[in-house]
Structures are given as C-alpha cells and as structure tokens.
Amino acid sequence: MPRRHWREIFPVTPGTLLAWHRRFIAAKWDYTARRGTGLKGVFIAVWWLTWGFAIV
C-alpha cells in the first residue's frame, strides 16, 4: 500500500498515537495525588516527641 493512501485508511497518524501514549504513561506514573506526608510528617512527630511534651 503506498504511503500516500495511509491517511485514507488510518484515522490517526503515528505521531498522534505516540503523543497519546506519552500522556497515558505520564499520567500513570504521576504520584503527586498519592503523595503522603513523607519526611515532613516524620520531622513533626520527632519534634513532638522531643520538645512538644516538654512544653506541655
């Protein structure tokens, strides 16, 4: 099949498929919504264990 007829047969271009795939993979591996307190929570807990109870 000649390349000039591809557009008539295939509704999307290879570049469009690659862009969709890139966005899908980026969304799949984006953990910003699932991020917890992390080290910030640990530092707060340690502060309360060391200084917080001494103040109270």
C-alpha atoms as a PDB file:
ATOM      1  CA  MET A   1       0.000   0.000   0.000  1.00  0.00           C
ATOM      2  CA  PRO A   2       1.520   3.348  -0.984  1.00  0.00           C
ATOM      3  CA  ARG A   3       2.210   5.814   1.812  1.00  0.00           C
ATOM      4  CA  ARG A   4       0.045   8.499   0.213  1.00  0.00           C
ATOM      5  CA  HIS A   5      -3.047   6.319   0.847  1.00  0.00           C
ATOM      6  CA  TRP A   6      -2.349   5.806   4.561  1.00  0.00           C
ATOM      7  CA  ARG A   7      -4.351   8.876   5.589  1.00  0.00           C
ATOM      8  CA  GLU A   8      -7.456   7.497   3.887  1.00  0.00           C
ATOM      9  CA  ILE A   9      -7.204   4.133   5.670  1.00  0.00           C
ATOM     10  CA  PHE A  10      -5.813   5.025   9.118  1.00  0.00           C
ATOM     11  CA  PRO A  11      -7.753   7.736  11.008  1.00  0.00           C
ATOM     12  CA  VAL A  12      -4.795   8.766  13.220  1.00  0.00           C
ATOM     13  CA  THR A  13      -1.153   9.396  12.454  1.00  0.00           C
ATOM     14  CA  PRO A  14       1.745   7.635  14.176  1.00  0.00           C
ATOM     15  CA  GLY A  15       2.669  10.942  15.834  1.00  0.00           C
ATOM     16  CA  THR A  16      -0.796  11.183  17.367  1.00  0.00           C
ATOM     17  CA  LEU A  17      -0.543   7.660  18.730  1.00  0.00           C
ATOM     18  CA  LEU A  18       2.849   8.405  20.260  1.00  0.00           C
ATOM     19  CA  ALA A  19       1.525  11.596  21.861  1.00  0.00           C
ATOM     20  CA  TRP A  20      -1.435   9.712  23.373  1.00  0.00           C
ATOM     21  CA  HIS A  21       0.893   7.038  24.671  1.00  0.00           C
ATOM     22  CA  ARG A  22       3.250   9.619  26.209  1.00  0.00           C
ATOM     23  CA  ARG A  23       0.336  11.306  28.016  1.00  0.00           C
ATOM     24  CA  PHE A  24      -1.048   7.987  29.209  1.00  0.00           C
ATOM     25  CA  ILE A  25       2.297   6.851  30.623  1.00  0.00           C
ATOM     26  CA  ALA A  26       2.951  10.241  32.237  1.00  0.00           C
ATOM     27  CA  ALA A  27      -0.450  10.133  33.954  1.00  0.00           C
ATOM     28  CA  LYS A  28       0.081   6.536  35.063  1.00  0.00           C
ATOM     29  CA  TRP A  29       3.404   7.271  36.755  1.00  0.00           C
ATOM     30  CA  ASP A  30       2.396  10.618  38.268  1.00  0.00           C
ATOM     31  CA  TYR A  31       2.199  10.075  42.016  1.00  0.00           C
ATOM     32  CA  THR A  32       1.543  13.658  43.133  1.00  0.00           C
ATOM     33  CA  ALA A  33      -2.049  12.886  44.201  1.00  0.00           C
ATOM     34  CA  ARG A  34      -0.936   9.866  46.231  1.00  0.00           C
ATOM     35  CA  ARG A  35       1.928  11.623  47.960  1.00  0.00           C
ATOM     36  CA  GLY A  36       1.681  11.383  51.746  1.00  0.00           C
ATOM     37  CA  THR A  37       3.240  13.419  54.483  1.00  0.00           C
ATOM     38  CA  GLY A  38       6.648  11.853  53.883  1.00  0.00           C
ATOM     39  CA  LEU A  39       9.600  13.183  55.845  1.00  0.00           C
ATOM     40  CA  LYS A  40       7.696  16.284  56.880  1.00  0.00           C
ATOM     41  CA  GLY A  41       5.392  14.086  58.965  1.00  0.00           C
ATOM     42  CA  VAL A  42       8.372  12.289  60.486  1.00  0.00           C
ATOM     43  CA  PHE A  43      10.021  15.568  61.487  1.00  0.00           C
ATOM     44  CA  ILE A  44       6.802  16.798  63.102  1.00  0.00           C
ATOM     45  CA  ALA A  45       6.426  13.530  65.032  1.00  0.00           C
ATOM     46  CA  VAL A  46      10.028  13.657  66.260  1.00  0.00           C
ATOM     47  CA  TRP A  47       9.616  17.297  67.290  1.00  0.00           C
ATOM     48  CA  TRP A  48       6.528  16.458  69.334  1.00  0.00           C
ATOM     49  CA  LEU A  49       8.297  13.519  70.951  1.00  0.00           C
ATOM     50  CA  THR A  50      11.309  15.629  71.940  1.00  0.00           C
ATOM     51  CA  TRP A  51      10.096  19.198  72.504  1.00  0.00           C
ATOM     52  CA  GLY A  52       6.324  19.096  72.372  1.00  0.00           C
ATOM     53  CA  PHE A  53       5.850  17.118  75.564  1.00  0.00           C
ATOM     54  CA  ALA A  54       8.418  19.226  77.393  1.00  0.00           C
ATOM     55  CA  ILE A  55       6.393  22.366  76.630  1.00  0.00           C
ATOM     56  CA  VAL A  56       3.117  20.811  77.803  1.00  0.00           C
END
